[in-house]
Amino acid sequence: QVQLVESGGGLVQPGRSLRLSCTASGSIFSIDAMGWYRQAPGKQRELVAVITSIGSTNYGDSVKGRFSISRDNAKNTVYLQMNSLKPEDTAVYSCNLRGRTWVAAARDYWGQGTQVIVSS
């Protein structure tokens, strides 16, 4: 009932910037939070950044001070501005929405992921 589509991934050199976008569509009744998680090869999925329905944000320790999350409520879109990228930021970045449809209780929805490769 809820679909998330990410865009903006790609190959960048260390120290450069990249901006990811995620747009939600479907039978959305309410959104508790939207955010980004990432998973590198051989590693667990980890929190990158989350923004709640009231605008509060949370960041993973490894990206604090470098990444910034924002949203456009009218478009049901969340953005992730990634600055000062490091090789260890290389991962598949997945958009997450925690919310409700008209007929379902709150749950997590996931996008298909967009690949970010930081390499010289």
N, C-alpha and C. Protein backbone atom coordinates (compact mmCIF):
# COMPACT_ATOMS: atom_id res chain seq x y z
N GLN A 1 0.82 -1.21 0.00
CA GLN A 1 0.00 0.00 0.00
C GLN A 1 0.85 1.26 0.00
N VAL A 2 2.06 1.17 0.49
CA VAL A 2 2.97 2.30 0.53
C VAL A 2 4.21 1.94 -0.27
N GLN A 3 4.59 2.84 -1.15
CA GLN A 3 5.76 2.64 -1.98
C GLN A 3 6.76 3.76 -1.75
N LEU A 4 8.02 3.40 -1.62
CA LEU A 4 9.09 4.36 -1.44
C LEU A 4 10.06 4.22 -2.59
N VAL A 5 10.42 5.35 -3.20
CA VAL A 5 11.33 5.36 -4.32
C VAL A 5 12.49 6.28 -4.01
N GLU A 6 13.69 5.72 -4.01
CA GLU A 6 14.89 6.49 -3.73
C GLU A 6 15.59 6.88 -5.02
N SER A 7 16.35 7.96 -4.95
CA SER A 7 17.16 8.37 -6.07
C SER A 7 18.34 9.18 -5.55
N GLY A 8 19.34 9.36 -6.40
CA GLY A 8 20.46 10.23 -6.07
C GLY A 8 21.76 9.53 -5.76
N GLY A 9 21.74 8.21 -5.68
CA GLY A 9 22.97 7.49 -5.41
C GLY A 9 23.92 7.53 -6.58
N GLY A 10 25.14 7.10 -6.33
CA GLY A 10 26.13 7.08 -7.38
C GLY A 10 27.53 6.94 -6.84
N LEU A 11 28.49 7.18 -7.72
CA LEU A 11 29.90 7.09 -7.39
C LEU A 11 30.46 8.49 -7.19
N VAL A 12 31.10 8.72 -6.05
CA VAL A 12 31.70 10.01 -5.75
C VAL A 12 33.07 9.80 -5.14
N GLN A 13 33.91 10.81 -5.25
CA GLN A 13 35.23 10.77 -4.65
C GLN A 13 35.17 11.18 -3.19
N PRO A 14 36.08 10.67 -2.37
CA PRO A 14 36.12 11.10 -0.97
C PRO A 14 36.18 12.61 -0.84
N GLY A 15 35.45 13.13 0.14
CA GLY A 15 35.40 14.55 0.38
C GLY A 15 34.30 15.27 -0.38
N ARG A 16 33.71 14.62 -1.35
CA ARG A 16 32.64 15.23 -2.13
C ARG A 16 31.29 15.05 -1.45
N SER A 17 30.25 15.55 -2.11
CA SER A 17 28.91 15.53 -1.56
C SER A 17 27.94 14.81 -2.48
N LEU A 18 26.86 14.35 -1.90
CA LEU A 18 25.81 13.67 -2.64
C LEU A 18 24.49 13.93 -1.92
N ARG A 19 23.42 14.01 -2.68
CA ARG A 19 22.10 14.25 -2.11
C ARG A 19 21.13 13.16 -2.54
N LEU A 20 20.57 12.46 -1.58
CA LEU A 20 19.60 11.42 -1.83
C LEU A 20 18.19 11.93 -1.62
N SER A 21 17.25 11.38 -2.37
CA SER A 21 15.84 11.72 -2.24
C SER A 21 15.02 10.46 -2.10
N CYS A 22 13.94 10.56 -1.36
CA CYS A 22 13.01 9.45 -1.20
C CYS A 22 11.60 10.01 -1.19
N THR A 23 10.78 9.51 -2.09
CA THR A 23 9.40 9.95 -2.19
C THR A 23 8.45 8.80 -1.88
N ALA A 24 7.50 9.06 -1.01
CA ALA A 24 6.52 8.06 -0.62
C ALA A 24 5.21 8.28 -1.36
N SER A 25 4.57 7.20 -1.72
CA SER A 25 3.28 7.27 -2.38
C SER A 25 2.43 6.08 -1.94
N GLY A 26 1.14 6.16 -2.20
CA GLY A 26 0.24 5.08 -1.86
C GLY A 26 -0.78 5.49 -0.82
N SER A 27 -1.29 4.50 -0.13
CA SER A 27 -2.38 4.72 0.82
C SER A 27 -1.83 5.14 2.18
N ILE A 28 -1.27 6.32 2.21
CA ILE A 28 -0.66 6.83 3.44
C ILE A 28 -1.71 7.57 4.25
N PHE A 29 -1.91 7.12 5.47
CA PHE A 29 -2.82 7.79 6.39
C PHE A 29 -2.06 8.77 7.28
N SER A 30 -0.99 8.31 7.87
CA SER A 30 -0.18 9.18 8.71
C SER A 30 1.25 8.66 8.71
N ILE A 31 2.17 9.58 8.86
CA ILE A 31 3.59 9.27 8.89
C ILE A 31 4.16 9.64 10.26
N ASP A 32 4.74 8.67 10.91
CA ASP A 32 5.41 8.94 12.18
C ASP A 32 6.82 9.45 11.96
N ALA A 33 7.50 8.87 11.00
CA ALA A 33 8.88 9.27 10.73
C ALA A 33 9.31 8.76 9.37
N MET A 34 10.27 9.43 8.78
CA MET A 34 10.93 8.96 7.58
C MET A 34 12.42 9.10 7.79
N GLY A 35 13.16 8.21 7.17
CA GLY A 35 14.59 8.29 7.36
C GLY A 35 15.37 7.41 6.43
N TRP A 36 16.65 7.34 6.72
CA TRP A 36 17.59 6.59 5.91
C TRP A 36 18.39 5.62 6.76
N TYR A 37 18.56 4.43 6.24
CA TYR A 37 19.43 3.43 6.81
C TYR A 37 20.38 2.96 5.73
N ARG A 38 21.49 2.37 6.14
CA ARG A 38 22.44 1.89 5.16
C ARG A 38 23.01 0.55 5.58
N GLN A 39 23.45 -0.19 4.59
CA GLN A 39 24.07 -1.48 4.83
C GLN A 39 25.23 -1.67 3.87
N ALA A 40 26.40 -1.82 4.44
CA ALA A 40 27.59 -2.10 3.67
C ALA A 40 27.78 -3.61 3.55
N PRO A 41 28.51 -4.06 2.55
CA PRO A 41 28.73 -5.50 2.39
C PRO A 41 29.33 -6.12 3.65
N GLY A 42 28.72 -7.19 4.13
CA GLY A 42 29.21 -7.88 5.29
C GLY A 42 28.91 -7.22 6.62
N LYS A 43 28.13 -6.16 6.61
CA LYS A 43 27.83 -5.45 7.84
C LYS A 43 26.33 -5.38 8.09
N GLN A 44 25.98 -5.08 9.32
CA GLN A 44 24.58 -4.91 9.69
C GLN A 44 24.04 -3.59 9.16
N ARG A 45 22.75 -3.56 8.94
CA ARG A 45 22.10 -2.32 8.57
C ARG A 45 22.14 -1.37 9.76
N GLU A 46 22.44 -0.11 9.50
CA GLU A 46 22.55 0.86 10.57
C GLU A 46 21.77 2.13 10.26
N LEU A 47 21.39 2.81 11.32
CA LEU A 47 20.70 4.09 11.19
C LEU A 47 21.64 5.13 10.62
N VAL A 48 21.15 5.90 9.66
CA VAL A 48 21.86 7.06 9.15
C VAL A 48 21.22 8.32 9.71
N ALA A 49 19.94 8.51 9.42
CA ALA A 49 19.24 9.70 9.88
C ALA A 49 17.74 9.47 9.81
N VAL A 50 17.03 10.07 10.75
CA VAL A 50 15.57 9.98 10.80
C VAL A 50 15.01 11.35 11.14
N ILE A 51 13.88 11.67 10.53
CA ILE A 51 13.16 12.88 10.88
C ILE A 51 11.72 12.49 11.20
N THR A 52 11.21 12.97 12.32
CA THR A 52 9.88 12.59 12.77
C THR A 52 8.83 13.52 12.19
N SER A 53 7.58 13.19 12.47
CA SER A 53 6.47 13.99 11.97
C SER A 53 6.46 15.40 12.54
N ILE A 54 7.08 15.60 13.68
CA ILE A 54 7.14 16.94 14.27
C ILE A 54 8.45 17.64 13.98
N GLY A 55 9.31 17.02 13.17
CA GLY A 55 10.52 17.68 12.72
C GLY A 55 11.77 17.42 13.51
N SER A 56 11.71 16.60 14.53
CA SER A 56 12.91 16.27 15.27
C SER A 56 13.76 15.29 14.47
N THR A 57 15.06 15.34 14.66
CA THR A 57 15.98 14.51 13.89
C THR A 57 16.89 13.70 14.79
N ASN A 58 17.32 12.56 14.27
CA ASN A 58 18.30 11.72 14.92
C ASN A 58 19.29 11.23 13.87
N TYR A 59 20.57 11.18 14.26
CA TYR A 59 21.61 10.77 13.34
C TYR A 59 22.45 9.67 13.95
N GLY A 60 22.92 8.79 13.08
CA GLY A 60 23.90 7.83 13.53
C GLY A 60 25.21 8.51 13.88
N ASP A 61 25.92 7.96 14.85
CA ASP A 61 27.14 8.60 15.33
C ASP A 61 28.17 8.81 14.21
N SER A 62 28.23 7.89 13.28
CA SER A 62 29.25 7.95 12.25
C SER A 62 29.01 9.04 11.21
N VAL A 63 27.82 9.63 11.19
CA VAL A 63 27.51 10.64 10.18
C VAL A 63 27.20 12.00 10.78
N LYS A 64 27.18 12.11 12.08
CA LYS A 64 26.88 13.38 12.73
C LYS A 64 27.88 14.45 12.30
N GLY A 65 27.35 15.61 11.95
CA GLY A 65 28.18 16.70 11.51
C GLY A 65 28.49 16.70 10.03
N ARG A 66 28.20 15.60 9.35
CA ARG A 66 28.46 15.50 7.92
C ARG A 66 27.20 15.36 7.08
N PHE A 67 26.20 14.67 7.62
CA PHE A 67 24.95 14.44 6.90
C PHE A 67 23.84 15.28 7.51
N SER A 68 22.86 15.62 6.68
CA SER A 68 21.72 16.38 7.14
C SER A 68 20.45 15.87 6.47
N ILE A 69 19.42 15.61 7.26
CA ILE A 69 18.16 15.13 6.74
C ILE A 69 17.14 16.27 6.76
N SER A 70 16.30 16.30 5.73
CA SER A 70 15.25 17.30 5.64
C SER A 70 14.06 16.68 4.93
N ARG A 71 12.96 17.41 4.90
CA ARG A 71 11.76 16.86 4.30
C ARG A 71 10.94 17.93 3.60
N ASP A 72 10.11 17.49 2.68
CA ASP A 72 9.11 18.32 2.03
C ASP A 72 7.79 17.61 2.25
N ASN A 73 7.04 18.05 3.24
CA ASN A 73 5.82 17.36 3.62
C ASN A 73 4.78 17.34 2.50
N ALA A 74 4.71 18.41 1.72
CA ALA A 74 3.73 18.47 0.65
C ALA A 74 3.98 17.41 -0.41
N LYS A 75 5.22 16.99 -0.55
CA LYS A 75 5.58 15.99 -1.54
C LYS A 75 5.84 14.61 -0.94
N ASN A 76 5.68 14.48 0.37
CA ASN A 76 6.01 13.23 1.05
C ASN A 76 7.42 12.76 0.69
N THR A 77 8.33 13.69 0.70
CA THR A 77 9.69 13.43 0.28
C THR A 77 10.67 13.78 1.40
N VAL A 78 11.66 12.93 1.56
CA VAL A 78 12.73 13.17 2.51
C VAL A 78 14.05 13.19 1.75
N TYR A 79 14.96 14.04 2.19
CA TYR A 79 16.25 14.20 1.55
C TYR A 79 17.36 13.89 2.54
N LEU A 80 18.46 13.45 2.00
CA LEU A 80 19.66 13.24 2.80
C LEU A 80 20.82 13.92 2.09
N GLN A 81 21.30 15.00 2.67
CA GLN A 81 22.47 15.69 2.15
C GLN A 81 23.71 15.10 2.81
N MET A 82 24.58 14.53 2.01
CA MET A 82 25.77 13.87 2.50
C MET A 82 26.99 14.66 2.08
N ASN A 83 27.70 15.19 3.05
CA ASN A 83 28.90 15.97 2.80
C ASN A 83 30.12 15.26 3.36
N SER A 84 31.28 15.67 2.89
CA SER A 84 32.55 15.12 3.37
C SER A 84 32.53 13.60 3.36
N LEU A 85 32.12 13.04 2.26
CA LEU A 85 31.96 11.60 2.17
C LEU A 85 33.29 10.87 2.32
N LYS A 86 33.23 9.73 2.97
CA LYS A 86 34.38 8.89 3.22
C LYS A 86 34.16 7.53 2.58
N PRO A 87 35.24 6.81 2.28
CA PRO A 87 35.07 5.46 1.73
C PRO A 87 34.20 4.57 2.59
N GLU A 88 34.25 4.73 3.90
CA GLU A 88 33.43 3.91 4.78
C GLU A 88 31.94 4.24 4.72
N ASP A 89 31.58 5.30 4.00
CA ASP A 89 30.17 5.59 3.75
C ASP A 89 29.60 4.75 2.63
N THR A 90 30.44 4.02 1.94
CA THR A 90 29.98 3.17 0.85
C THR A 90 28.99 2.14 1.37
N ALA A 91 27.80 2.12 0.78
CA ALA A 91 26.74 1.23 1.23
C ALA A 91 25.54 1.38 0.31
N VAL A 92 24.59 0.50 0.51
CA VAL A 92 23.27 0.67 -0.07
C VAL A 92 22.43 1.44 0.94
N TYR A 93 21.91 2.57 0.51
CA TYR A 93 21.11 3.42 1.38
C TYR A 93 19.64 3.19 1.08
N SER A 94 18.88 2.86 2.13
CA SER A 94 17.47 2.54 1.97
C SER A 94 16.61 3.53 2.72
N CYS A 95 15.54 3.94 2.08
CA CYS A 95 14.59 4.85 2.70
C CYS A 95 13.60 4.07 3.54
N ASN A 96 13.27 4.61 4.68
CA ASN A 96 12.33 3.99 5.60
C ASN A 96 11.21 4.96 5.94
N LEU A 97 10.01 4.43 5.97
CA LEU A 97 8.86 5.19 6.44
C LEU A 97 8.18 4.39 7.53
N ARG A 98 7.95 5.02 8.65
CA ARG A 98 7.17 4.41 9.73
C ARG A 98 5.85 5.15 9.81
N GLY A 99 4.77 4.43 9.51
CA GLY A 99 3.48 5.08 9.51
C GLY A 99 2.35 4.11 9.32
N ARG A 100 1.20 4.67 8.99
CA ARG A 100 -0.02 3.90 8.86
C ARG A 100 -0.65 4.08 7.49
N THR A 101 -1.33 3.06 7.04
CA THR A 101 -2.25 3.19 5.93
C THR A 101 -3.64 3.37 6.50
N TRP A 102 -4.64 3.45 5.62
CA TRP A 102 -6.01 3.61 6.09
C TRP A 102 -6.50 2.39 6.86
N VAL A 103 -5.93 1.22 6.59
CA VAL A 103 -6.45 -0.01 7.18
C VAL A 103 -5.43 -0.78 8.00
N ALA A 104 -4.23 -0.29 8.13
CA ALA A 104 -3.19 -1.02 8.84
C ALA A 104 -2.61 -0.20 9.98
N ALA A 105 -2.20 -0.88 11.02
CA ALA A 105 -1.53 -0.23 12.13
C ALA A 105 -0.13 0.20 11.72
N ALA A 106 0.50 0.96 12.57
CA ALA A 106 1.83 1.48 12.26
C ALA A 106 2.81 0.35 11.99
N ARG A 107 3.62 0.52 10.97
CA ARG A 107 4.65 -0.43 10.61
C ARG A 107 5.71 0.28 9.78
N ASP A 108 6.77 -0.43 9.50
CA ASP A 108 7.86 0.11 8.68
C ASP A 108 7.72 -0.30 7.23
N TYR A 109 7.95 0.64 6.34
CA TYR A 109 7.99 0.41 4.91
C TYR A 109 9.37 0.77 4.41
N TRP A 110 9.83 0.05 3.39
CA TRP A 110 11.19 0.22 2.90
C TRP A 110 11.23 0.41 1.40
N GLY A 111 12.14 1.26 0.96
CA GLY A 111 12.43 1.37 -0.45
C GLY A 111 13.39 0.29 -0.90
N GLN A 112 13.67 0.27 -2.18
CA GLN A 112 14.54 -0.77 -2.73
C GLN A 112 16.02 -0.51 -2.50
N GLY A 113 16.36 0.71 -2.15
CA GLY A 113 17.73 1.07 -1.88
C GLY A 113 18.41 1.73 -3.07
N THR A 114 19.34 2.60 -2.77
CA THR A 114 20.16 3.24 -3.80
C THR A 114 21.62 3.13 -3.38
N GLN A 115 22.47 2.79 -4.32
CA GLN A 115 23.86 2.51 -4.03
C GLN A 115 24.69 3.78 -3.99
N VAL A 116 25.49 3.90 -2.95
CA VAL A 116 26.46 4.99 -2.83
C VAL A 116 27.85 4.37 -2.72
N ILE A 117 28.73 4.77 -3.62
CA ILE A 117 30.10 4.29 -3.60
C ILE A 117 31.02 5.49 -3.49
N VAL A 118 31.84 5.50 -2.46
CA VAL A 118 32.80 6.58 -2.24
C VAL A 118 34.19 6.00 -2.47
N SER A 119 34.80 6.42 -3.54
CA SER A 119 36.09 5.84 -3.93
C SER A 119 36.85 6.82 -4.80
N SER A 120 38.16 6.80 -4.66
CA SER A 120 39.02 7.62 -5.49
C SER A 120 39.47 6.88 -6.74
